[in-house]
Amino acid sequence: MPDIDTQTQIELEAAAFRRLQKHLMEDRTDVQNIDMMNLAGFCRNCLSRWYQEAAADRGIEMTKDESREAFYGMTMDAWKTTYQTDAPAEKAAAFEKAFAQNVKPDQS
């Protein structure tokens, strides 16, 4: 890895995050959160929660709904109506297992 100063590293990481966010918000709306959680152990909701936690670490109060809207670019209800599909029972069961393994009770 090239020698990069701290500020540049922060800017590159922020740019990569923004690109991931755009990819999930605009380019791959077809990818369901349940599939992401089942395969990778995180989903858009996790990313929005991490965003909320980062804000809290800096003394910025943000609700779950506000962090989700910041990440999704719309309300959660609008996202669900527009993009979310029904999950078969086997995916829902796998999600419950993945959620339990990857999300602490105080984070849901």
PDB file of N, CA and C in Angstrom:
ATOM      1  N   MET A   1       0.845  -1.174   0.000  1.00  0.00           N
ATOM      2  CA  MET A   1       0.000   0.000   0.000  1.00  0.00           C
ATOM      3  C   MET A   1       0.892   1.238   0.000  1.00  0.00           C
ATOM      4  N   PRO A   2       0.526   2.225  -0.810  1.00  0.00           N
ATOM      5  CA  PRO A   2       1.340   3.442  -0.838  1.00  0.00           C
ATOM      6  C   PRO A   2       1.285   4.172   0.500  1.00  0.00           C
ATOM      7  N   ASP A   3       2.275   4.975   0.741  1.00  0.00           N
ATOM      8  CA  ASP A   3       2.320   5.787   1.949  1.00  0.00           C
ATOM      9  C   ASP A   3       1.306   6.923   1.801  1.00  0.00           C
ATOM     10  N   ILE A   4       0.236   6.879   2.585  1.00  0.00           N
ATOM     11  CA  ILE A   4      -0.848   7.845   2.491  1.00  0.00           C
ATOM     12  C   ILE A   4      -1.026   8.522   3.843  1.00  0.00           C
ATOM     13  N   ASP A   5      -1.158   9.846   3.822  1.00  0.00           N
ATOM     14  CA  ASP A   5      -1.370  10.559   5.078  1.00  0.00           C
ATOM     15  C   ASP A   5      -2.769  10.250   5.618  1.00  0.00           C
ATOM     16  N   THR A   6      -2.961  10.491   6.899  1.00  0.00           N
ATOM     17  CA  THR A   6      -4.201  10.134   7.581  1.00  0.00           C
ATOM     18  C   THR A   6      -5.423  10.786   6.951  1.00  0.00           C
ATOM     19  N   GLN A   7      -5.358  12.071   6.641  1.00  0.00           N
ATOM     20  CA  GLN A   7      -6.512  12.763   6.056  1.00  0.00           C
ATOM     21  C   GLN A   7      -6.889  12.163   4.700  1.00  0.00           C
ATOM     22  N   THR A   8      -5.898  11.863   3.882  1.00  0.00           N
ATOM     23  CA  THR A   8      -6.172  11.255   2.581  1.00  0.00           C
ATOM     24  C   THR A   8      -6.789   9.877   2.762  1.00  0.00           C
ATOM     25  N   GLN A   9      -6.297   9.106   3.719  1.00  0.00           N
ATOM     26  CA  GLN A   9      -6.870   7.787   3.994  1.00  0.00           C
ATOM     27  C   GLN A   9      -8.335   7.912   4.394  1.00  0.00           C
ATOM     28  N   ILE A  10      -8.649   8.869   5.262  1.00  0.00           N
ATOM     29  CA  ILE A  10     -10.036   9.090   5.676  1.00  0.00           C
ATOM     30  C   ILE A  10     -10.897   9.441   4.463  1.00  0.00           C
ATOM     31  N   GLU A  11     -10.384  10.300   3.599  1.00  0.00           N
ATOM     32  CA  GLU A  11     -11.135  10.704   2.407  1.00  0.00           C
ATOM     33  C   GLU A  11     -11.347   9.537   1.448  1.00  0.00           C
ATOM     34  N   LEU A  12     -10.341   8.687   1.284  1.00  0.00           N
ATOM     35  CA  LEU A  12     -10.486   7.509   0.423  1.00  0.00           C
ATOM     36  C   LEU A  12     -11.499   6.530   1.000  1.00  0.00           C
ATOM     37  N   GLU A  13     -11.433   6.309   2.316  1.00  0.00           N
ATOM     38  CA  GLU A  13     -12.391   5.415   2.957  1.00  0.00           C
ATOM     39  C   GLU A  13     -13.813   5.962   2.832  1.00  0.00           C
ATOM     40  N   ALA A  14     -13.977   7.275   3.013  1.00  0.00           N
ATOM     41  CA  ALA A  14     -15.299   7.892   2.874  1.00  0.00           C
ATOM     42  C   ALA A  14     -15.801   7.750   1.437  1.00  0.00           C
ATOM     43  N   ALA A  15     -14.920   7.933   0.470  1.00  0.00           N
ATOM     44  CA  ALA A  15     -15.309   7.794  -0.937  1.00  0.00           C
ATOM     45  C   ALA A  15     -15.726   6.349  -1.232  1.00  0.00           C
ATOM     46  N   ALA A  16     -15.003   5.393  -0.689  1.00  0.00           N
ATOM     47  CA  ALA A  16     -15.354   3.984  -0.896  1.00  0.00           C
ATOM     48  C   ALA A  16     -16.708   3.676  -0.258  1.00  0.00           C
ATOM     49  N   PHE A  17     -16.953   4.224   0.931  1.00  0.00           N
ATOM     50  CA  PHE A  17     -18.247   4.037   1.582  1.00  0.00           C
ATOM     51  C   PHE A  17     -19.368   4.644   0.742  1.00  0.00           C
ATOM     52  N   ARG A  18     -19.167   5.862   0.248  1.00  0.00           N
ATOM     53  CA  ARG A  18     -20.189   6.512  -0.579  1.00  0.00           C
ATOM     54  C   ARG A  18     -20.467   5.691  -1.835  1.00  0.00           C
ATOM     55  N   ARG A  19     -19.444   5.092  -2.398  1.00  0.00           N
ATOM     56  CA  ARG A  19     -19.632   4.260  -3.603  1.00  0.00           C
ATOM     57  C   ARG A  19     -20.403   2.994  -3.263  1.00  0.00           C
ATOM     58  N   LEU A  20     -20.090   2.381  -2.125  1.00  0.00           N
ATOM     59  CA  LEU A  20     -20.854   1.213  -1.672  1.00  0.00           C
ATOM     60  C   LEU A  20     -22.313   1.594  -1.453  1.00  0.00           C
ATOM     61  N   GLN A  21     -22.533   2.719  -0.820  1.00  0.00           N
ATOM     62  CA  GLN A  21     -23.887   3.189  -0.578  1.00  0.00           C
ATOM     63  C   GLN A  21     -24.629   3.404  -1.899  1.00  0.00           C
ATOM     64  N   LYS A  22     -24.011   4.062  -2.842  1.00  0.00           N
ATOM     65  CA  LYS A  22     -24.626   4.293  -4.160  1.00  0.00           C
ATOM     66  C   LYS A  22     -24.921   2.955  -4.848  1.00  0.00           C
ATOM     67  N   HIS A  23     -23.974   2.046  -4.774  1.00  0.00           N
ATOM     68  CA  HIS A  23     -24.144   0.735  -5.396  1.00  0.00           C
ATOM     69  C   HIS A  23     -25.394   0.040  -4.846  1.00  0.00           C
ATOM     70  N   LEU A  24     -25.560   0.074  -3.524  1.00  0.00           N
ATOM     71  CA  LEU A  24     -26.692  -0.605  -2.901  1.00  0.00           C
ATOM     72  C   LEU A  24     -27.996   0.179  -3.040  1.00  0.00           C
ATOM     73  N   MET A  25     -27.918   1.516  -3.100  1.00  0.00           N
ATOM     74  CA  MET A  25     -29.113   2.356  -3.192  1.00  0.00           C
ATOM     75  C   MET A  25     -29.624   2.500  -4.614  1.00  0.00           C
ATOM     76  N   GLU A  26     -28.714   2.510  -5.583  1.00  0.00           N
ATOM     77  CA  GLU A  26     -29.106   2.835  -6.952  1.00  0.00           C
ATOM     78  C   GLU A  26     -28.830   1.722  -7.957  1.00  0.00           C
ATOM     79  N   ASP A  27     -27.653   1.109  -7.856  1.00  0.00           N
ATOM     80  CA  ASP A  27     -27.245   0.145  -8.874  1.00  0.00           C
ATOM     81  C   ASP A  27     -27.818  -1.249  -8.640  1.00  0.00           C
ATOM     82  N   ARG A  28     -27.958  -1.647  -7.376  1.00  0.00           N
ATOM     83  CA  ARG A  28     -28.386  -3.021  -7.077  1.00  0.00           C
ATOM     84  C   ARG A  28     -29.552  -3.053  -6.096  1.00  0.00           C
ATOM     85  N   THR A  29     -30.589  -2.309  -6.432  1.00  0.00           N
ATOM     86  CA  THR A  29     -31.790  -2.339  -5.602  1.00  0.00           C
ATOM     87  C   THR A  29     -32.462  -3.701  -5.647  1.00  0.00           C
ATOM     88  N   ASP A  30     -32.084  -4.522  -6.616  1.00  0.00           N
ATOM     89  CA  ASP A  30     -32.645  -5.860  -6.731  1.00  0.00           C
ATOM     90  C   ASP A  30     -32.107  -6.813  -5.666  1.00  0.00           C
ATOM     91  N   VAL A  31     -30.964  -6.489  -5.091  1.00  0.00           N
ATOM     92  CA  VAL A  31     -30.382  -7.345  -4.062  1.00  0.00           C
ATOM     93  C   VAL A  31     -31.119  -7.091  -2.749  1.00  0.00           C
ATOM     94  N   GLN A  32     -31.720  -8.130  -2.225  1.00  0.00           N
ATOM     95  CA  GLN A  32     -32.517  -8.016  -1.008  1.00  0.00           C
ATOM     96  C   GLN A  32     -31.643  -8.049   0.236  1.00  0.00           C
ATOM     97  N   ASN A  33     -32.052  -7.295   1.258  1.00  0.00           N
ATOM     98  CA  ASN A  33     -31.330  -7.288   2.531  1.00  0.00           C
ATOM     99  C   ASN A  33     -31.206  -8.695   3.114  1.00  0.00           C
ATOM    100  N   ILE A  34     -32.259  -9.473   2.997  1.00  0.00           N
ATOM    101  CA  ILE A  34     -32.240 -10.827   3.562  1.00  0.00           C
ATOM    102  C   ILE A  34     -31.137 -11.668   2.915  1.00  0.00           C
ATOM    103  N   ASP A  35     -30.944 -11.493   1.609  1.00  0.00           N
ATOM    104  CA  ASP A  35     -29.887 -12.239   0.916  1.00  0.00           C
ATOM    105  C   ASP A  35     -28.509 -11.758   1.360  1.00  0.00           C
ATOM    106  N   MET A  36     -28.364 -10.449   1.509  1.00  0.00           N
ATOM    107  CA  MET A  36     -27.080  -9.911   1.980  1.00  0.00           C
ATOM    108  C   MET A  36     -26.751 -10.447   3.375  1.00  0.00           C
ATOM    109  N   MET A  37     -27.728 -10.417   4.270  1.00  0.00           N
ATOM    110  CA  MET A  37     -27.497 -10.895   5.639  1.00  0.00           C
ATOM    111  C   MET A  37     -27.170 -12.383   5.637  1.00  0.00           C
ATOM    112  N   ASN A  38     -27.910 -13.148   4.845  1.00  0.00           N
ATOM    113  CA  ASN A  38     -27.685 -14.588   4.817  1.00  0.00           C
ATOM    114  C   ASN A  38     -26.310 -14.946   4.246  1.00  0.00           C
ATOM    115  N   LEU A  39     -25.839 -14.177   3.274  1.00  0.00           N
ATOM    116  CA  LEU A  39     -24.564 -14.490   2.629  1.00  0.00           C
ATOM    117  C   LEU A  39     -23.362 -13.804   3.278  1.00  0.00           C
ATOM    118  N   ALA A  40     -23.553 -12.563   3.721  1.00  0.00           N
ATOM    119  CA  ALA A  40     -22.401 -11.773   4.184  1.00  0.00           C
ATOM    120  C   ALA A  40     -22.442 -11.422   5.664  1.00  0.00           C
ATOM    121  N   GLY A  41     -23.574 -11.629   6.319  1.00  0.00           N
ATOM    122  CA  GLY A  41     -23.670 -11.306   7.734  1.00  0.00           C
ATOM    123  C   GLY A  41     -23.924  -9.829   8.010  1.00  0.00           C
ATOM    124  N   PHE A  42     -24.258  -9.068   6.986  1.00  0.00           N
ATOM    125  CA  PHE A  42     -24.663  -7.671   7.158  1.00  0.00           C
ATOM    126  C   PHE A  42     -25.571  -7.291   6.001  1.00  0.00           C
ATOM    127  N   CYS A  43     -26.297  -6.186   6.190  1.00  0.00           N
ATOM    128  CA  CYS A  43     -27.197  -5.706   5.141  1.00  0.00           C
ATOM    129  C   CYS A  43     -27.258  -4.183   5.191  1.00  0.00           C
ATOM    130  N   ARG A  44     -28.137  -3.613   4.422  1.00  0.00           N
ATOM    131  CA  ARG A  44     -28.278  -2.154   4.405  1.00  0.00           C
ATOM    132  C   ARG A  44     -28.638  -1.623   5.787  1.00  0.00           C
ATOM    133  N   ASN A  45     -29.476  -2.354   6.517  1.00  0.00           N
ATOM    134  CA  ASN A  45     -29.849  -1.913   7.861  1.00  0.00           C
ATOM    135  C   ASN A  45     -28.638  -1.893   8.783  1.00  0.00           C
ATOM    136  N   CYS A  46     -27.759  -2.851   8.637  1.00  0.00           N
ATOM    137  CA  CYS A  46     -26.522  -2.858   9.434  1.00  0.00           C
ATOM    138  C   CYS A  46     -25.684  -1.630   9.106  1.00  0.00           C
ATOM    139  N   LEU A  47     -25.540  -1.348   7.817  1.00  0.00           N
ATOM    140  CA  LEU A  47     -24.764  -0.177   7.409  1.00  0.00           C
ATOM    141  C   LEU A  47     -25.371   1.101   7.970  1.00  0.00           C
ATOM    142  N   SER A  48     -26.687   1.206   7.942  1.00  0.00           N
ATOM    143  CA  SER A  48     -27.316   2.414   8.485  1.00  0.00           C
ATOM    144  C   SER A  48     -27.152   2.472  10.001  1.00  0.00           C
ATOM    145  N   ARG A  49     -27.152   1.325  10.678  1.00  0.00           N
ATOM    146  CA  ARG A  49     -26.919   1.291  12.125  1.00  0.00           C
ATOM    147  C   ARG A  49     -25.491   1.699  12.444  1.00  0.00           C
ATOM    148  N   TRP A  50     -24.530   1.228  11.653  1.00  0.00           N
ATOM    149  CA  TRP A  50     -23.136   1.616  11.868  1.00  0.00           C
ATOM    150  C   TRP A  50     -22.959   3.115  11.659  1.00  0.00           C
ATOM    151  N   TYR A  51     -23.699   3.664  10.714  1.00  0.00           N
ATOM    152  CA  TYR A  51     -23.689   5.111  10.466  1.00  0.00           C
ATOM    153  C   TYR A  51     -24.219   5.841  11.702  1.00  0.00           C
ATOM    154  N   GLN A  52     -25.321   5.345  12.250  1.00  0.00           N
ATOM    155  CA  GLN A  52     -25.916   5.929  13.454  1.00  0.00           C
ATOM    156  C   GLN A  52     -24.940   5.826  14.631  1.00  0.00           C
ATOM    157  N   GLU A  53     -24.280   4.691  14.790  1.00  0.00           N
ATOM    158  CA  GLU A  53     -23.309   4.512  15.874  1.00  0.00           C
ATOM    159  C   GLU A  53     -22.131   5.460  15.721  1.00  0.00           C
ATOM    160  N   ALA A  54     -21.664   5.666  14.489  1.00  0.00           N
ATOM    161  CA  ALA A  54     -20.563   6.595  14.245  1.00  0.00           C
ATOM    162  C   ALA A  54     -20.988   8.017  14.609  1.00  0.00           C
ATOM    163  N   ALA A  55     -22.230   8.369  14.286  1.00  0.00           N
ATOM    164  CA  ALA A  55     -22.735   9.690  14.657  1.00  0.00           C
ATOM    165  C   ALA A  55     -22.770   9.829  16.181  1.00  0.00           C
ATOM    166  N   ALA A  56     -23.277   8.811  16.861  1.00  0.00           N
ATOM    167  CA  ALA A  56     -23.352   8.842  18.325  1.00  0.00           C
ATOM    168  C   ALA A  56     -21.971   8.975  18.951  1.00  0.00           C
ATOM    169  N   ASP A  57     -20.982   8.298  18.368  1.00  0.00           N
ATOM    170  CA  ASP A  57     -19.604   8.396  18.869  1.00  0.00           C
ATOM    171  C   ASP A  57     -19.080   9.827  18.802  1.00  0.00           C
ATOM    172  N   ARG A  58     -19.672  10.614  17.936  1.00  0.00           N
ATOM    173  CA  ARG A  58     -19.250  12.012  17.762  1.00  0.00           C
ATOM    174  C   ARG A  58     -20.225  12.981  18.415  1.00  0.00           C
ATOM    175  N   GLY A  59     -21.127  12.443  19.240  1.00  0.00           N
ATOM    176  CA  GLY A  59     -22.075  13.279  19.966  1.00  0.00           C
ATOM    177  C   GLY A  59     -23.246  13.781  19.138  1.00  0.00           C
ATOM    178  N   ILE A  60     -23.497  13.144  17.995  1.00  0.00           N
ATOM    179  CA  ILE A  60     -24.601  13.535  17.122  1.00  0.00           C
ATOM    180  C   ILE A  60     -25.769  12.576  17.360  1.00  0.00           C
ATOM    181  N   GLU A  61     -26.898  13.126  17.802  1.00  0.00           N
ATOM    182  CA  GLU A  61     -28.074  12.289  18.022  1.00  0.00           C
ATOM    183  C   GLU A  61     -28.770  12.026  16.702  1.00  0.00           C
ATOM    184  N   MET A  62     -29.054  10.756  16.452  1.00  0.00           N
ATOM    185  CA  MET A  62     -29.705  10.351  15.219  1.00  0.00           C
ATOM    186  C   MET A  62     -30.562   9.136  15.532  1.00  0.00           C
ATOM    187  N   THR A  63     -31.808   9.157  15.115  1.00  0.00           N
ATOM    188  CA  THR A  63     -32.682   8.011  15.341  1.00  0.00           C
ATOM    189  C   THR A  63     -32.392   6.919  14.314  1.00  0.00           C
ATOM    190  N   LYS A  64     -32.914   5.747  14.583  1.00  0.00           N
ATOM    191  CA  LYS A  64     -32.783   4.641  13.634  1.00  0.00           C
ATOM    192  C   LYS A  64     -33.415   5.023  12.296  1.00  0.00           C
ATOM    193  N   ASP A  65     -34.592   5.635  12.350  1.00  0.00           N
ATOM    194  CA  ASP A  65     -35.266   6.040  11.112  1.00  0.00           C
ATOM    195  C   ASP A  65     -34.443   7.071  10.343  1.00  0.00           C
ATOM    196  N   GLU A  66     -33.841   8.026  11.059  1.00  0.00           N
ATOM    197  CA  GLU A  66     -33.016   9.040  10.403  1.00  0.00           C
ATOM    198  C   GLU A  66     -31.783   8.420   9.750  1.00  0.00           C
ATOM    199  N   SER A  67     -31.153   7.480  10.436  1.00  0.00           N
ATOM    200  CA  SER A  67     -29.955   6.850   9.858  1.00  0.00           C
ATOM    201  C   SER A  67     -30.323   5.988   8.659  1.00  0.00           C
ATOM    202  N   ARG A  68     -31.454   5.315   8.727  1.00  0.00           N
ATOM    203  CA  ARG A  68     -31.894   4.511   7.585  1.00  0.00           C
ATOM    204  C   ARG A  68     -32.210   5.408   6.393  1.00  0.00           C
ATOM    205  N   GLU A  69     -32.883   6.515   6.638  1.00  0.00           N
ATOM    206  CA  GLU A  69     -33.196   7.426   5.538  1.00  0.00           C
ATOM    207  C   GLU A  69     -31.919   8.008   4.938  1.00  0.00           C
ATOM    208  N   ALA A  70     -30.937   8.300   5.790  1.00  0.00           N
ATOM    209  CA  ALA A  70     -29.652   8.811   5.292  1.00  0.00           C
ATOM    210  C   ALA A  70     -28.960   7.766   4.428  1.00  0.00           C
ATOM    211  N   PHE A  71     -29.075   6.501   4.797  1.00  0.00           N
ATOM    212  CA  PHE A  71     -28.405   5.457   4.029  1.00  0.00           C
ATOM    213  C   PHE A  71     -29.202   5.029   2.810  1.00  0.00           C
ATOM    214  N   TYR A  72     -30.513   4.862   2.963  1.00  0.00           N
ATOM    215  CA  TYR A  72     -31.359   4.395   1.860  1.00  0.00           C
ATOM    216  C   TYR A  72     -31.714   5.494   0.867  1.00  0.00           C
ATOM    217  N   GLY A  73     -31.647   6.748   1.313  1.00  0.00           N
ATOM    218  CA  GLY A  73     -32.045   7.853   0.454  1.00  0.00           C
ATOM    219  C   GLY A  73     -33.555   8.034   0.401  1.00  0.00           C
ATOM    220  N   MET A  74     -34.268   7.352   1.268  1.00  0.00           N
ATOM    221  CA  MET A  74     -35.727   7.433   1.375  1.00  0.00           C
ATOM    222  C   MET A  74     -36.114   6.787   2.684  1.00  0.00           C
ATOM    223  N   THR A  75     -37.376   6.911   3.051  1.00  0.00           N
ATOM    224  CA  THR A  75     -37.811   6.255   4.283  1.00  0.00           C
ATOM    225  C   THR A  75     -37.769   4.736   4.104  1.00  0.00           C
ATOM    226  N   MET A  76     -37.716   4.047   5.203  1.00  0.00           N
ATOM    227  CA  MET A  76     -37.713   2.585   5.160  1.00  0.00           C
ATOM    228  C   MET A  76     -39.009   2.064   4.538  1.00  0.00           C
ATOM    229  N   ASP A  77     -40.127   2.690   4.879  1.00  0.00           N
ATOM    230  CA  ASP A  77     -41.410   2.272   4.288  1.00  0.00           C
ATOM    231  C   ASP A  77     -41.397   2.429   2.772  1.00  0.00           C
ATOM    232  N   ALA A  78     -40.844   3.542   2.293  1.00  0.00           N
ATOM    233  CA  ALA A  78     -40.777   3.759   0.841  1.00  0.00           C
ATOM    234  C   ALA A  78     -39.877   2.714   0.187  1.00  0.00           C
ATOM    235  N   TRP A  79     -38.743   2.400   0.825  1.00  0.00           N
ATOM    236  CA  TRP A  79     -37.834   1.375   0.291  1.00  0.00           C
ATOM    237  C   TRP A  79     -38.557   0.029   0.191  1.00  0.00           C
ATOM    238  N   LYS A  80     -39.213  -0.351   1.277  1.00  0.00           N
ATOM    239  CA  LYS A  80     -39.899  -1.643   1.299  1.00  0.00           C
ATOM    240  C   LYS A  80     -40.960  -1.720   0.206  1.00  0.00           C
ATOM    241  N   THR A  81     -41.734  -0.658   0.072  1.00  0.00           N
ATOM    242  CA  THR A  81     -42.794  -0.624  -0.940  1.00  0.00           C
ATOM    243  C   THR A  81     -42.222  -0.705  -2.348  1.00  0.00           C
ATOM    244  N   THR A  82     -41.105  -0.026  -2.565  1.00  0.00           N
ATOM    245  CA  THR A  82     -40.532   0.078  -3.900  1.00  0.00           C
ATOM    246  C   THR A  82     -39.687  -1.132  -4.281  1.00  0.00           C
ATOM    247  N   TYR A  83     -38.894  -1.659  -3.345  1.00  0.00           N
ATOM    248  CA  TYR A  83     -37.877  -2.643  -3.711  1.00  0.00           C
ATOM    249  C   TYR A  83     -37.954  -3.995  -2.997  1.00  0.00           C
ATOM    250  N   GLN A  84     -38.524  -4.056  -1.816  1.00  0.00           N
ATOM    251  CA  GLN A  84     -38.469  -5.305  -1.055  1.00  0.00           C
ATOM    252  C   GLN A  84     -39.471  -6.315  -1.576  1.00  0.00           C
ATOM    253  N   THR A  85     -39.029  -7.553  -1.672  1.00  0.00           N
ATOM    254  CA  THR A  85     -39.898  -8.644  -2.100  1.00  0.00           C
ATOM    255  C   THR A  85     -40.130  -9.586  -0.923  1.00  0.00           C
ATOM    256  N   ASP A  86     -41.149 -10.421  -1.036  1.00  0.00           N
ATOM    257  CA  ASP A  86     -41.420 -11.407   0.005  1.00  0.00           C
ATOM    258  C   ASP A  86     -40.350 -12.485  -0.027  1.00  0.00           C
ATOM    259  N   ALA A  87     -39.957 -12.930   1.155  1.00  0.00           N
ATOM    260  CA  ALA A  87     -38.926 -13.960   1.264  1.00  0.00           C
ATOM    261  C   ALA A  87     -39.559 -15.321   1.534  1.00  0.00           C
ATOM    262  N   PRO A  88     -39.081 -16.342   0.842  1.00  0.00           N
ATOM    263  CA  PRO A  88     -39.566 -17.690   1.137  1.00  0.00           C
ATOM    264  C   PRO A  88     -39.183 -18.097   2.564  1.00  0.00           C
ATOM    265  N   ALA A  89     -39.889 -19.052   3.114  1.00  0.00           N
ATOM    266  CA  ALA A  89     -39.692 -19.488   4.501  1.00  0.00           C
ATOM    267  C   ALA A  89     -38.249 -19.902   4.777  1.00  0.00           C
ATOM    268  N   GLU A  90     -37.600 -20.582   3.827  1.00  0.00           N
ATOM    269  CA  GLU A  90     -36.225 -21.040   4.070  1.00  0.00           C
ATOM    270  C   GLU A  90     -35.244 -19.863   4.172  1.00  0.00           C
ATOM    271  N   LYS A  91     -35.489 -18.813   3.391  1.00  0.00           N
ATOM    272  CA  LYS A  91     -34.638 -17.622   3.506  1.00  0.00           C
ATOM    273  C   LYS A  91     -34.876 -16.915   4.830  1.00  0.00           C
ATOM    274  N   ALA A  92     -36.134 -16.859   5.249  1.00  0.00           N
ATOM    275  CA  ALA A  92     -36.461 -16.226   6.522  1.00  0.00           C
ATOM    276  C   ALA A  92     -35.810 -16.974   7.681  1.00  0.00           C
ATOM    277  N   ALA A  93     -35.810 -18.292   7.629  1.00  0.00           N
ATOM    278  CA  ALA A  93     -35.175 -19.089   8.680  1.00  0.00           C
ATOM    279  C   ALA A  93     -33.661 -18.871   8.682  1.00  0.00           C
ATOM    280  N   ALA A  94     -33.054 -18.832   7.512  1.00  0.00           N
ATOM    281  CA  ALA A  94     -31.612 -18.575   7.412  1.00  0.00           C
ATOM    282  C   ALA A  94     -31.290 -17.176   7.921  1.00  0.00           C
ATOM    283  N   PHE A  95     -32.178 -16.214   7.655  1.00  0.00           N
ATOM    284  CA  PHE A  95     -31.983 -14.852   8.131  1.00  0.00           C
ATOM    285  C   PHE A  95     -31.975 -14.816   9.655  1.00  0.00           C
ATOM    286  N   GLU A  96     -32.905 -15.495  10.277  1.00  0.00           N
ATOM    287  CA  GLU A  96     -32.961 -15.517  11.748  1.00  0.00           C
ATOM    288  C   GLU A  96     -31.639 -16.010  12.327  1.00  0.00           C
ATOM    289  N   LYS A  97     -31.076 -17.035  11.718  1.00  0.00           N
ATOM    290  CA  LYS A  97     -29.795 -17.582  12.172  1.00  0.00           C
ATOM    291  C   LYS A  97     -28.676 -16.569  11.932  1.00  0.00           C
ATOM    292  N   ALA A  98     -28.601 -15.999  10.744  1.00  0.00           N
ATOM    293  CA  ALA A  98     -27.554 -15.027  10.416  1.00  0.00           C
ATOM    294  C   ALA A  98     -27.668 -13.794  11.300  1.00  0.00           C
ATOM    295  N   PHE A  99     -28.896 -13.345  11.537  1.00  0.00           N
ATOM    296  CA  PHE A  99     -29.117 -12.175  12.382  1.00  0.00           C
ATOM    297  C   PHE A  99     -28.611 -12.449  13.791  1.00  0.00           C
ATOM    298  N   ALA A 100     -28.956 -13.606  14.338  1.00  0.00           N
ATOM    299  CA  ALA A 100     -28.524 -13.968  15.694  1.00  0.00           C
ATOM    300  C   ALA A 100     -27.008 -14.042  15.803  1.00  0.00           C
ATOM    301  N   GLN A 101     -26.345 -14.500  14.742  1.00  0.00           N
ATOM    302  CA  GLN A 101     -24.892 -14.632  14.754  1.00  0.00           C
ATOM    303  C   GLN A 101     -24.175 -13.300  14.587  1.00  0.00           C
ATOM    304  N   ASN A 102     -24.814 -12.337  13.924  1.00  0.00           N
ATOM    305  CA  ASN A 102     -24.107 -11.119  13.519  1.00  0.00           C
ATOM    306  C   ASN A 102     -24.582  -9.830  14.179  1.00  0.00           C
ATOM    307  N   VAL A 103     -25.741  -9.833  14.793  1.00  0.00           N
ATOM    308  CA  VAL A 103     -26.279  -8.611  15.386  1.00  0.00           C
ATOM    309  C   VAL A 103     -26.524  -8.860  16.871  1.00  0.00           C
ATOM    310  N   LYS A 104     -25.898  -8.032  17.703  1.00  0.00           N
ATOM    311  CA  LYS A 104     -26.085  -8.146  19.152  1.00  0.00           C
ATOM    312  C   LYS A 104     -27.493  -7.672  19.510  1.00  0.00           C
ATOM    313  N   PRO A 105     -28.071  -8.219  20.581  1.00  0.00           N
ATOM    314  CA  PRO A 105     -29.451  -7.864  20.951  1.00  0.00           C
ATOM    315  C   PRO A 105     -29.682  -6.356  21.100  1.00  0.00           C
ATOM    316  N   ASP A 106     -28.713  -5.615  21.581  1.00  0.00           N
ATOM    317  CA  ASP A 106     -28.894  -4.171  21.779  1.00  0.00           C
ATOM    318  C   ASP A 106     -28.728  -3.372  20.480  1.00  0.00           C
ATOM    319  N   GLN A 107     -28.456  -4.050  19.376  1.00  0.00           N
ATOM    320  CA  GLN A 107     -28.233  -3.370  18.107  1.00  0.00           C
ATOM    321  C   GLN A 107     -29.417  -3.448  17.158  1.00  0.00           C
ATOM    322  N   SER A 108     -30.394  -4.261  17.456  1.00  0.00           N
ATOM    323  CA  SER A 108     -31.480  -4.454  16.486  1.00  0.00           C
ATOM    324  C   SER A 108     -32.424  -3.298  16.428  1.00  0.00           C
TER     325      SER A 108
END
